[in-house]
C-alpha atoms as a PDB file:
ATOM      1  CA  MET A   1      -8.902   9.721  -1.507  1.00  0.00           C
ATOM      2  CA  ILE A   2      -8.308   6.167  -1.485  1.00  0.00           C
ATOM      3  CA  ILE A   3     -10.389   3.781  -3.972  1.00  0.00           C
ATOM      4  CA  HIS A   4     -10.092   0.032  -3.781  1.00  0.00           C
ATOM      5  CA  LYS A   5     -11.615  -2.824  -5.255  1.00  0.00           C
ATOM      6  CA  VAL A   6     -11.408  -6.636  -5.856  1.00  0.00           C
ATOM      7  CA  VAL A   7     -11.157  -8.453  -8.894  1.00  0.00           C
ATOM      8  CA  LYS A   8     -11.019 -12.356  -8.576  1.00  0.00           C
ATOM      9  CA  ASN A   9      -7.890 -13.301  -6.450  1.00  0.00           C
ATOM     10  CA  GLU A  10      -6.493  -9.680  -6.794  1.00  0.00           C
ATOM     11  CA  ALA A  11      -7.352  -6.585  -5.218  1.00  0.00           C
ATOM     12  CA  SER A  12      -6.265  -3.025  -5.746  1.00  0.00           C
ATOM     13  CA  VAL A  13      -5.950   0.242  -3.538  1.00  0.00           C
ATOM     14  CA  ASN A  14      -5.396   3.476  -5.480  1.00  0.00           C
ATOM     15  CA  ILE A  15      -4.230   6.532  -3.705  1.00  0.00           C
ATOM     16  CA  ALA A  16      -5.914   9.121  -5.489  1.00  0.00           C
ATOM     17  CA  GLN A  17      -4.158  11.926  -3.873  1.00  0.00           C
ATOM     18  CA  ASN A  18      -0.154  13.455  -4.050  1.00  0.00           C
ATOM     19  CA  ARG A  19       0.722  13.144  -0.267  1.00  0.00           C
ATOM     20  CA  LEU A  20       0.150   9.965   1.832  1.00  0.00           C
ATOM     21  CA  THR A  21       0.737  11.230   5.511  1.00  0.00           C
ATOM     22  CA  PHE A  22      -0.515  10.401   8.890  1.00  0.00           C
ATOM     23  CA  ASP A  23      -3.764  12.412   8.000  1.00  0.00           C
ATOM     24  CA  SER A  24      -4.466   9.558   5.466  1.00  0.00           C
ATOM     25  CA  GLN A  25      -4.060   6.871   8.128  1.00  0.00           C
ATOM     26  CA  ARG A  26      -7.431   5.858   8.742  1.00  0.00           C
ATOM     27  CA  GLU A  27      -8.716   6.079   5.163  1.00  0.00           C
ATOM     28  CA  PHE A  28      -5.694   3.980   3.911  1.00  0.00           C
ATOM     29  CA  ARG A  29      -6.081   1.449   6.780  1.00  0.00           C
ATOM     30  CA  SER A  30      -9.831   1.070   6.030  1.00  0.00           C
ATOM     31  CA  ALA A  31      -9.226   0.311   2.320  1.00  0.00           C
ATOM     32  CA  VAL A  32      -6.096  -1.840   3.002  1.00  0.00           C
ATOM     33  CA  ASN A  33      -8.149  -3.931   5.446  1.00  0.00           C
ATOM     34  CA  THR A  34     -11.132  -4.284   3.099  1.00  0.00           C
ATOM     35  CA  VAL A  35      -9.081  -5.698   0.570  1.00  0.00           C
ATOM     36  CA  ILE A  36      -6.889  -7.802   2.616  1.00  0.00           C
ATOM     37  CA  ASN A  37     -10.072  -9.403   4.278  1.00  0.00           C
ATOM     38  CA  SER A  38     -11.879  -9.947   1.040  1.00  0.00           C
ATOM     39  CA  PRO A  39     -12.287 -13.811   0.351  1.00  0.00           C
ATOM     40  CA  GLY A  40      -9.976 -15.219  -2.025  1.00  0.00           C
ATOM     41  CA  VAL A  41      -7.800 -12.343  -2.277  1.00  0.00           C
ATOM     42  CA  ASP A  42      -3.842 -13.254  -2.364  1.00  0.00           C
ATOM     43  CA  VAL A  43      -2.440 -10.233  -4.003  1.00  0.00           C
ATOM     44  CA  VAL A  44      -2.830  -6.459  -3.129  1.00  0.00           C
ATOM     45  CA  ASN A  45      -1.846  -3.830  -5.713  1.00  0.00           C
ATOM     46  CA  VAL A  46      -1.090  -0.546  -3.762  1.00  0.00           C
ATOM     47  CA  ASP A  47      -0.762   2.048  -6.937  1.00  0.00           C
ATOM     48  CA  MET A  48       1.337   4.912  -5.600  1.00  0.00           C
ATOM     49  CA  SER A  49       1.259   6.676  -9.475  1.00  0.00           C
ATOM     50  CA  MET A  50      -0.269  10.060  -8.084  1.00  0.00           C
ATOM     51  CA  VAL A  51       2.062  10.310  -4.751  1.00  0.00           C
ATOM     52  CA  ASP A  52       4.978  12.521  -4.908  1.00  0.00           C
ATOM     53  CA  TYR A  53       5.539  12.562  -1.228  1.00  0.00           C
ATOM     54  CA  ILE A  54       5.128  10.104   2.070  1.00  0.00           C
ATOM     55  CA  ASP A  55       5.976  10.739   5.442  1.00  0.00           C
ATOM     56  CA  SER A  56       7.205   8.346   8.406  1.00  0.00           C
ATOM     57  CA  ALA A  57       3.414   7.617   9.016  1.00  0.00           C
ATOM     58  CA  ALA A  58       2.771   6.437   5.823  1.00  0.00           C
ATOM     59  CA  LEU A  59       5.916   3.818   6.002  1.00  0.00           C
ATOM     60  CA  GLY A  60       4.233   2.920   9.516  1.00  0.00           C
ATOM     61  CA  MET A  61       0.969   2.126   7.569  1.00  0.00           C
ATOM     62  CA  PHE A  62       2.712   0.005   5.070  1.00  0.00           C
ATOM     63  CA  LEU A  63       4.452  -1.882   7.573  1.00  0.00           C
ATOM     64  CA  ILE A  64       1.045  -2.430   9.525  1.00  0.00           C
ATOM     65  CA  THR A  65      -0.294  -3.530   6.065  1.00  0.00           C
ATOM     66  CA  ARG A  66       2.709  -6.046   5.824  1.00  0.00           C
ATOM     67  CA  GLU A  67       1.719  -7.324   9.043  1.00  0.00           C
ATOM     68  CA  ALA A  68      -2.112  -7.685   8.435  1.00  0.00           C
ATOM     69  CA  ALA A  69      -1.170  -9.116   5.166  1.00  0.00           C
ATOM     70  CA  ASP A  70       1.120 -11.817   6.342  1.00  0.00           C
ATOM     71  CA  ALA A  71      -1.462 -13.015   8.757  1.00  0.00           C
ATOM     72  CA  LYS A  72      -3.718 -13.773   5.937  1.00  0.00           C
ATOM     73  CA  ASN A  73      -0.886 -14.910   3.439  1.00  0.00           C
ATOM     74  CA  VAL A  74      -1.779 -11.818   1.006  1.00  0.00           C
ATOM     75  CA  ARG A  75       1.291 -10.501  -0.887  1.00  0.00           C
ATOM     76  CA  VAL A  76       1.526  -6.749  -1.077  1.00  0.00           C
ATOM     77  CA  ARG A  77       2.882  -4.890  -3.930  1.00  0.00           C
ATOM     78  CA  ILE A  78       3.397  -1.264  -4.270  1.00  0.00           C
ATOM     79  CA  LEU A  79       3.539  -0.235  -8.054  1.00  0.00           C
ATOM     80  CA  ASN A  80       4.127   2.875  -9.954  1.00  0.00           C
ATOM     81  CA  CYS A  81       6.227   4.865  -7.425  1.00  0.00           C
ATOM     82  CA  ARG A  82       7.479   7.921  -8.405  1.00  0.00           C
ATOM     83  CA  THR A  83      11.280   8.511  -8.249  1.00  0.00           C
ATOM     84  CA  THR A  84      10.949  10.263  -5.013  1.00  0.00           C
ATOM     85  CA  VAL A  85       8.714   7.893  -3.221  1.00  0.00           C
ATOM     86  CA  LYS A  86      10.768   5.314  -4.604  1.00  0.00           C
ATOM     87  CA  GLN A  87      13.937   6.473  -2.916  1.00  0.00           C
ATOM     88  CA  ILE A  88      12.089   6.794   0.320  1.00  0.00           C
ATOM     89  CA  PHE A  89      11.309   3.226   0.238  1.00  0.00           C
ATOM     90  CA  GLU A  90      14.921   2.257  -0.762  1.00  0.00           C
ATOM     91  CA  ILE A  91      16.297   4.206   1.753  1.00  0.00           C
ATOM     92  CA  ALA A  92      13.903   2.604   4.681  1.00  0.00           C
ATOM     93  CA  SER A  93      15.086  -0.606   2.744  1.00  0.00           C
ATOM     94  CA  PHE A  94      11.426  -1.802   2.028  1.00  0.00           C
ATOM     95  CA  GLN A  95      12.559  -3.255  -0.974  1.00  0.00           C
ATOM     96  CA  LYS A  96      13.275  -6.300   1.252  1.00  0.00           C
ATOM     97  CA  LEU A  97       9.425  -6.733   2.561  1.00  0.00           C
ATOM     98  CA  PHE A  98       7.728  -5.606  -0.495  1.00  0.00           C
ATOM     99  CA  ASP A  99       7.765  -5.538  -4.569  1.00  0.00           C
ATOM    100  CA  ILE A 100       8.182  -2.188  -5.187  1.00  0.00           C
ATOM    101  CA  THR A 101       8.104  -0.711  -8.591  1.00  0.00           C
END
């Protein structure tokens, strides 16, 4: 399950599942597009605290998210990554594209 909410100019997308894979693509994109297109949002925080596995499709989802966010001047932050997920982002050099914690 992927939950999203907007509070003032900051939005959050919480990935409430342990795997972010191709199967999550439609739900992830829907949540992210909703918050990116919300009026006044300039930051989207993606909470990855429950995720312990991502695949290449998930990396692609984040690249598409970045493109959509850039078009709206919205910054995307990937927060609360578990060690293995953070390592995958680092191997793919995503720290150059996103704030990752």
